[in-house]
Amino acid sequence: MSSMYDDVAEFHRKVLQLEDAKEPFLPPYAWLEERARFLHEELAEFMFAAQTSHIVDITDALLDTIYVALGTLHMMGIPVQQCWDAVQHANMQKVRGTTKRGNAIDAVKPEGWVGPEATIHKVIQDARKSSDH
């Protein structure tokens, strides 16, 4: 069984005819802005579906948002699973609580909480080094 990321990678190769990135890279701002507009479009579809209380359209919009986000990471050559694992580990160290967002259900960073950025940095650096060989 393939992962969602594998499915998006296959779409990029077969439908969009894109080659896999050889190593993680930071695309030009204009490209990132284009991807942000794409994500915003999907979030707007989610908001419209939420306003109309249409569970199928809500589900489709959320999954499309994930698809675009994973596609952006794939196009950038990011080792998604390792980075995901770092984010998951950091998130699992949080505790339920109230934040400035004011959400009814939220998680807060306890004293001493460490974010995933250092691990993500190492994963990306290691991927770049391994592509040099």
N, C-alpha and C. Protein backbone atom coordinates (compact mmCIF):
# COMPACT_ATOMS: atom_id res chain seq x y z
N MET A 1 0.85 -1.18 0.00
CA MET A 1 0.00 0.00 0.00
C MET A 1 0.90 1.24 0.00
N SER A 2 0.57 2.20 -0.84
CA SER A 2 1.38 3.41 -0.95
C SER A 2 0.92 4.44 0.08
N SER A 3 1.81 5.35 0.41
CA SER A 3 1.46 6.44 1.31
C SER A 3 0.85 7.58 0.50
N MET A 4 0.27 8.54 1.18
CA MET A 4 -0.27 9.71 0.49
C MET A 4 0.86 10.43 -0.25
N TYR A 5 2.02 10.51 0.38
CA TYR A 5 3.16 11.17 -0.25
C TYR A 5 3.57 10.44 -1.52
N ASP A 6 3.62 9.11 -1.47
CA ASP A 6 3.96 8.32 -2.67
C ASP A 6 2.95 8.56 -3.78
N ASP A 7 1.68 8.66 -3.42
CA ASP A 7 0.64 8.92 -4.42
C ASP A 7 0.83 10.27 -5.09
N VAL A 8 1.15 11.29 -4.30
CA VAL A 8 1.38 12.62 -4.85
C VAL A 8 2.61 12.62 -5.75
N ALA A 9 3.67 11.93 -5.32
CA ALA A 9 4.89 11.82 -6.13
C ALA A 9 4.59 11.16 -7.46
N GLU A 10 3.76 10.12 -7.43
CA GLU A 10 3.38 9.44 -8.68
C GLU A 10 2.60 10.39 -9.59
N PHE A 11 1.69 11.17 -9.02
CA PHE A 11 0.93 12.16 -9.78
C PHE A 11 1.88 13.16 -10.45
N HIS A 12 2.85 13.62 -9.69
CA HIS A 12 3.81 14.58 -10.25
C HIS A 12 4.59 13.99 -11.41
N ARG A 13 5.00 12.74 -11.28
CA ARG A 13 5.77 12.10 -12.35
C ARG A 13 4.90 11.77 -13.56
N LYS A 14 3.74 11.15 -13.32
CA LYS A 14 2.93 10.66 -14.44
C LYS A 14 2.04 11.72 -15.08
N VAL A 15 1.42 12.55 -14.29
CA VAL A 15 0.47 13.52 -14.83
C VAL A 15 1.16 14.84 -15.18
N LEU A 16 1.93 15.37 -14.23
CA LEU A 16 2.60 16.65 -14.46
C LEU A 16 3.93 16.51 -15.18
N GLN A 17 4.39 15.27 -15.30
CA GLN A 17 5.65 14.95 -15.99
C GLN A 17 6.83 15.71 -15.39
N LEU A 18 6.87 15.73 -14.05
CA LEU A 18 7.96 16.37 -13.33
C LEU A 18 8.95 15.32 -12.85
N GLU A 19 10.20 15.65 -12.89
CA GLU A 19 11.22 14.76 -12.33
C GLU A 19 11.31 15.00 -10.83
N ASP A 20 11.69 13.96 -10.10
CA ASP A 20 11.92 14.12 -8.67
C ASP A 20 13.12 15.04 -8.46
N ALA A 21 13.04 15.89 -7.45
CA ALA A 21 14.18 16.74 -7.09
C ALA A 21 15.33 15.85 -6.65
N LYS A 22 16.52 16.17 -7.07
CA LYS A 22 17.69 15.37 -6.73
C LYS A 22 18.11 15.58 -5.28
N GLU A 23 17.79 16.75 -4.74
CA GLU A 23 18.11 17.06 -3.35
C GLU A 23 17.18 18.17 -2.89
N PRO A 24 17.03 18.35 -1.56
CA PRO A 24 16.19 19.44 -1.06
C PRO A 24 16.72 20.80 -1.53
N PHE A 25 15.80 21.67 -1.93
CA PHE A 25 16.21 23.00 -2.37
C PHE A 25 15.11 24.00 -2.03
N LEU A 26 15.53 25.26 -1.95
CA LEU A 26 14.60 26.36 -1.71
C LEU A 26 14.29 27.00 -3.04
N PRO A 27 13.05 26.87 -3.51
CA PRO A 27 12.68 27.47 -4.79
C PRO A 27 12.62 28.99 -4.69
N PRO A 28 12.57 29.67 -5.83
CA PRO A 28 12.43 31.13 -5.83
C PRO A 28 11.11 31.55 -5.16
N TYR A 29 11.13 32.75 -4.61
CA TYR A 29 9.96 33.27 -3.90
C TYR A 29 8.72 33.25 -4.79
N ALA A 30 8.84 33.60 -6.05
CA ALA A 30 7.68 33.63 -6.95
C ALA A 30 7.01 32.26 -7.03
N TRP A 31 7.81 31.22 -7.03
CA TRP A 31 7.26 29.86 -7.07
C TRP A 31 6.55 29.54 -5.76
N LEU A 32 7.15 29.90 -4.65
CA LEU A 32 6.52 29.67 -3.34
C LEU A 32 5.22 30.45 -3.22
N GLU A 33 5.21 31.67 -3.77
CA GLU A 33 4.01 32.49 -3.76
C GLU A 33 2.89 31.81 -4.58
N GLU A 34 3.26 31.22 -5.70
CA GLU A 34 2.29 30.49 -6.52
C GLU A 34 1.69 29.32 -5.74
N ARG A 35 2.54 28.59 -5.04
CA ARG A 35 2.05 27.45 -4.25
C ARG A 35 1.17 27.95 -3.11
N ALA A 36 1.51 29.09 -2.52
CA ALA A 36 0.69 29.67 -1.45
C ALA A 36 -0.69 30.03 -1.97
N ARG A 37 -0.75 30.59 -3.17
CA ARG A 37 -2.06 30.92 -3.78
C ARG A 37 -2.88 29.64 -3.98
N PHE A 38 -2.21 28.58 -4.39
CA PHE A 38 -2.87 27.29 -4.61
C PHE A 38 -3.43 26.78 -3.27
N LEU A 39 -2.63 26.86 -2.21
CA LEU A 39 -3.10 26.42 -0.90
C LEU A 39 -4.27 27.29 -0.43
N HIS A 40 -4.16 28.59 -0.65
CA HIS A 40 -5.22 29.50 -0.26
C HIS A 40 -6.53 29.16 -0.98
N GLU A 41 -6.43 28.83 -2.25
CA GLU A 41 -7.62 28.43 -3.03
C GLU A 41 -8.29 27.22 -2.39
N GLU A 42 -7.50 26.25 -1.99
CA GLU A 42 -8.07 25.04 -1.37
C GLU A 42 -8.67 25.37 -0.01
N LEU A 43 -8.02 26.23 0.76
CA LEU A 43 -8.58 26.63 2.06
C LEU A 43 -9.88 27.42 1.88
N ALA A 44 -9.96 28.23 0.83
CA ALA A 44 -11.19 28.96 0.55
C ALA A 44 -12.32 27.98 0.21
N GLU A 45 -12.00 26.93 -0.53
CA GLU A 45 -13.01 25.90 -0.83
C GLU A 45 -13.46 25.22 0.46
N PHE A 46 -12.52 24.99 1.37
CA PHE A 46 -12.87 24.40 2.66
C PHE A 46 -13.82 25.32 3.43
N MET A 47 -13.52 26.61 3.47
CA MET A 47 -14.37 27.55 4.19
C MET A 47 -15.77 27.61 3.60
N PHE A 48 -15.84 27.61 2.26
CA PHE A 48 -17.15 27.62 1.62
C PHE A 48 -17.92 26.35 1.98
N ALA A 49 -17.26 25.23 1.92
CA ALA A 49 -17.92 23.96 2.26
C ALA A 49 -18.35 23.95 3.72
N ALA A 50 -17.53 24.52 4.60
CA ALA A 50 -17.89 24.59 6.02
C ALA A 50 -19.13 25.45 6.22
N GLN A 51 -19.20 26.57 5.50
CA GLN A 51 -20.35 27.47 5.62
C GLN A 51 -21.63 26.82 5.13
N THR A 52 -21.50 25.92 4.16
CA THR A 52 -22.68 25.25 3.61
C THR A 52 -22.93 23.90 4.28
N SER A 53 -22.08 23.57 5.27
CA SER A 53 -22.22 22.32 6.03
C SER A 53 -22.30 21.10 5.12
N HIS A 54 -21.38 21.02 4.18
CA HIS A 54 -21.37 19.91 3.23
C HIS A 54 -20.16 19.03 3.51
N ILE A 55 -20.40 17.91 4.17
CA ILE A 55 -19.30 17.07 4.65
C ILE A 55 -18.44 16.51 3.52
N VAL A 56 -19.02 16.18 2.39
CA VAL A 56 -18.24 15.65 1.27
C VAL A 56 -17.31 16.73 0.72
N ASP A 57 -17.83 17.95 0.55
CA ASP A 57 -17.00 19.04 0.04
C ASP A 57 -15.93 19.46 1.04
N ILE A 58 -16.26 19.42 2.34
CA ILE A 58 -15.26 19.71 3.37
C ILE A 58 -14.13 18.70 3.28
N THR A 59 -14.48 17.43 3.19
CA THR A 59 -13.48 16.37 3.10
C THR A 59 -12.61 16.54 1.86
N ASP A 60 -13.24 16.80 0.72
CA ASP A 60 -12.50 16.99 -0.53
C ASP A 60 -11.54 18.16 -0.42
N ALA A 61 -12.01 19.27 0.12
CA ALA A 61 -11.17 20.47 0.23
C ALA A 61 -9.98 20.23 1.16
N LEU A 62 -10.21 19.58 2.28
CA LEU A 62 -9.10 19.29 3.20
C LEU A 62 -8.09 18.35 2.57
N LEU A 63 -8.57 17.33 1.88
CA LEU A 63 -7.65 16.40 1.22
C LEU A 63 -6.90 17.08 0.07
N ASP A 64 -7.57 17.96 -0.65
CA ASP A 64 -6.88 18.73 -1.70
C ASP A 64 -5.79 19.62 -1.09
N THR A 65 -6.06 20.19 0.08
CA THR A 65 -5.06 21.00 0.76
C THR A 65 -3.83 20.16 1.12
N ILE A 66 -4.07 18.97 1.64
CA ILE A 66 -2.97 18.05 1.95
C ILE A 66 -2.21 17.70 0.68
N TYR A 67 -2.94 17.43 -0.39
CA TYR A 67 -2.33 17.05 -1.68
C TYR A 67 -1.39 18.16 -2.17
N VAL A 68 -1.86 19.40 -2.11
CA VAL A 68 -1.04 20.52 -2.57
C VAL A 68 0.17 20.71 -1.65
N ALA A 69 -0.04 20.61 -0.35
CA ALA A 69 1.08 20.77 0.59
C ALA A 69 2.12 19.67 0.38
N LEU A 70 1.68 18.42 0.26
CA LEU A 70 2.62 17.32 0.01
C LEU A 70 3.30 17.49 -1.35
N GLY A 71 2.56 17.96 -2.33
CA GLY A 71 3.13 18.19 -3.65
C GLY A 71 4.22 19.26 -3.62
N THR A 72 3.99 20.29 -2.83
CA THR A 72 4.99 21.34 -2.70
C THR A 72 6.26 20.79 -2.06
N LEU A 73 6.10 20.02 -1.00
CA LEU A 73 7.26 19.40 -0.35
C LEU A 73 7.98 18.44 -1.30
N HIS A 74 7.21 17.68 -2.08
CA HIS A 74 7.82 16.75 -3.04
C HIS A 74 8.62 17.52 -4.09
N MET A 75 8.04 18.58 -4.62
CA MET A 75 8.73 19.36 -5.64
C MET A 75 10.02 19.97 -5.10
N MET A 76 10.06 20.24 -3.80
CA MET A 76 11.24 20.81 -3.16
C MET A 76 12.26 19.75 -2.76
N GLY A 77 11.89 18.48 -2.93
CA GLY A 77 12.82 17.40 -2.60
C GLY A 77 12.97 17.15 -1.11
N ILE A 78 11.99 17.51 -0.33
CA ILE A 78 12.07 17.37 1.12
C ILE A 78 11.79 15.91 1.53
N PRO A 79 12.63 15.33 2.39
CA PRO A 79 12.36 13.99 2.92
C PRO A 79 11.19 14.07 3.91
N VAL A 80 10.02 13.93 3.42
CA VAL A 80 8.81 14.22 4.17
C VAL A 80 8.65 13.35 5.41
N GLN A 81 8.83 12.06 5.29
CA GLN A 81 8.55 11.19 6.44
C GLN A 81 9.44 11.53 7.63
N GLN A 82 10.71 11.75 7.38
CA GLN A 82 11.61 12.08 8.48
C GLN A 82 11.26 13.43 9.10
N CYS A 83 10.89 14.38 8.27
CA CYS A 83 10.50 15.70 8.79
C CYS A 83 9.17 15.59 9.53
N TRP A 84 8.25 14.80 8.98
CA TRP A 84 6.97 14.56 9.66
C TRP A 84 7.20 13.96 11.03
N ASP A 85 8.09 12.97 11.11
CA ASP A 85 8.38 12.32 12.39
C ASP A 85 8.88 13.34 13.41
N ALA A 86 9.70 14.29 12.98
CA ALA A 86 10.21 15.33 13.89
C ALA A 86 9.07 16.21 14.39
N VAL A 87 8.17 16.60 13.49
CA VAL A 87 7.03 17.43 13.87
C VAL A 87 6.10 16.65 14.81
N GLN A 88 5.86 15.40 14.49
CA GLN A 88 4.99 14.56 15.33
C GLN A 88 5.58 14.42 16.73
N HIS A 89 6.88 14.15 16.80
CA HIS A 89 7.52 14.02 18.12
C HIS A 89 7.36 15.30 18.93
N ALA A 90 7.62 16.45 18.30
CA ALA A 90 7.49 17.73 19.00
C ALA A 90 6.05 17.98 19.43
N ASN A 91 5.11 17.69 18.55
CA ASN A 91 3.70 17.91 18.89
C ASN A 91 3.25 17.02 20.04
N MET A 92 3.78 15.81 20.11
CA MET A 92 3.38 14.89 21.17
C MET A 92 3.92 15.31 22.54
N GLN A 93 4.82 16.28 22.56
CA GLN A 93 5.34 16.81 23.83
C GLN A 93 4.47 17.95 24.36
N LYS A 94 3.54 18.42 23.56
CA LYS A 94 2.63 19.50 23.98
C LYS A 94 1.56 18.94 24.91
N VAL A 95 0.84 19.84 25.55
CA VAL A 95 -0.25 19.44 26.45
C VAL A 95 -1.50 20.24 26.09
N ARG A 96 -2.64 19.66 26.42
CA ARG A 96 -3.89 20.37 26.16
C ARG A 96 -3.95 21.63 27.00
N GLY A 97 -4.40 22.71 26.38
CA GLY A 97 -4.50 23.96 27.10
C GLY A 97 -5.08 25.06 26.23
N THR A 98 -5.09 26.26 26.75
CA THR A 98 -5.64 27.42 26.05
C THR A 98 -4.50 28.26 25.51
N THR A 99 -4.63 28.66 24.25
CA THR A 99 -3.63 29.51 23.62
C THR A 99 -4.26 30.85 23.28
N LYS A 100 -3.46 31.74 22.74
CA LYS A 100 -3.98 33.05 22.33
C LYS A 100 -4.94 32.94 21.16
N ARG A 101 -4.95 31.78 20.48
CA ARG A 101 -5.91 31.59 19.38
C ARG A 101 -7.34 31.55 19.89
N GLY A 102 -7.51 31.10 21.13
CA GLY A 102 -8.83 31.04 21.71
C GLY A 102 -9.66 29.85 21.24
N ASN A 103 -9.01 28.82 20.70
CA ASN A 103 -9.75 27.64 20.26
C ASN A 103 -10.27 26.86 21.46
N ALA A 104 -11.41 26.20 21.29
CA ALA A 104 -11.98 25.41 22.37
C ALA A 104 -11.07 24.23 22.72
N ILE A 105 -10.44 23.66 21.73
CA ILE A 105 -9.51 22.55 21.94
C ILE A 105 -8.19 22.94 21.31
N ASP A 106 -7.13 22.97 22.11
CA ASP A 106 -5.83 23.38 21.59
C ASP A 106 -4.73 22.73 22.42
N ALA A 107 -3.53 22.85 21.94
CA ALA A 107 -2.37 22.31 22.65
C ALA A 107 -1.37 23.43 22.86
N VAL A 108 -0.71 23.41 24.01
CA VAL A 108 0.28 24.42 24.33
C VAL A 108 1.66 23.78 24.51
N LYS A 109 2.66 24.61 24.35
CA LYS A 109 4.04 24.17 24.52
C LYS A 109 4.41 24.31 25.99
N PRO A 110 4.70 23.20 26.65
CA PRO A 110 5.06 23.30 28.07
C PRO A 110 6.47 23.87 28.23
N GLU A 111 6.80 24.24 29.44
CA GLU A 111 8.14 24.73 29.74
C GLU A 111 9.17 23.71 29.26
N GLY A 112 10.19 24.20 28.57
CA GLY A 112 11.25 23.32 28.09
C GLY A 112 10.94 22.63 26.76
N TRP A 113 9.79 22.94 26.17
CA TRP A 113 9.41 22.32 24.90
C TRP A 113 10.43 22.66 23.83
N VAL A 114 10.75 21.66 23.02
CA VAL A 114 11.71 21.86 21.93
C VAL A 114 11.00 21.61 20.60
N GLY A 115 11.06 22.59 19.72
CA GLY A 115 10.43 22.47 18.41
C GLY A 115 11.21 21.54 17.49
N PRO A 116 10.64 21.23 16.34
CA PRO A 116 11.25 20.28 15.41
C PRO A 116 12.29 20.87 14.47
N GLU A 117 12.50 22.17 14.52
CA GLU A 117 13.32 22.84 13.50
C GLU A 117 14.74 22.29 13.40
N ALA A 118 15.40 22.04 14.52
CA ALA A 118 16.78 21.54 14.48
C ALA A 118 16.84 20.16 13.81
N THR A 119 15.88 19.32 14.11
CA THR A 119 15.85 17.98 13.48
C THR A 119 15.55 18.10 11.99
N ILE A 120 14.61 18.95 11.64
CA ILE A 120 14.28 19.16 10.22
C ILE A 120 15.52 19.68 9.48
N HIS A 121 16.22 20.62 10.09
CA HIS A 121 17.45 21.15 9.48
C HIS A 121 18.45 20.03 9.22
N LYS A 122 18.64 19.17 10.21
CA LYS A 122 19.59 18.06 10.07
C LYS A 122 19.14 17.09 8.97
N VAL A 123 17.87 16.77 8.92
CA VAL A 123 17.34 15.87 7.89
C VAL A 123 17.61 16.44 6.50
N ILE A 124 17.34 17.72 6.32
CA ILE A 124 17.55 18.36 5.02
C ILE A 124 19.03 18.39 4.67
N GLN A 125 19.87 18.77 5.64
CA GLN A 125 21.31 18.79 5.41
C GLN A 125 21.83 17.40 5.05
N ASP A 126 21.38 16.38 5.77
CA ASP A 126 21.82 15.00 5.48
C ASP A 126 21.38 14.57 4.09
N ALA A 127 20.16 14.96 3.70
CA ALA A 127 19.67 14.61 2.36
C ALA A 127 20.50 15.29 1.28
N ARG A 128 20.90 16.53 1.53
CA ARG A 128 21.74 17.25 0.57
C ARG A 128 23.12 16.58 0.47
N LYS A 129 23.68 16.20 1.60
CA LYS A 129 24.99 15.54 1.60
C LYS A 129 24.95 14.20 0.87
N SER A 130 23.88 13.44 1.11
CA SER A 130 23.79 12.12 0.47
C SER A 130 23.58 12.22 -1.02
N SER A 131 23.04 13.35 -1.49
CA SER A 131 22.85 13.52 -2.94
C SER A 131 24.16 13.88 -3.64
N ASP A 132 25.14 14.33 -2.86
CA ASP A 132 26.45 14.67 -3.43
C ASP A 132 27.22 13.43 -3.85
N HIS A 133 26.81 12.29 -3.37
CA HIS A 133 27.57 11.05 -3.66
C HIS A 133 27.07 10.38 -4.91
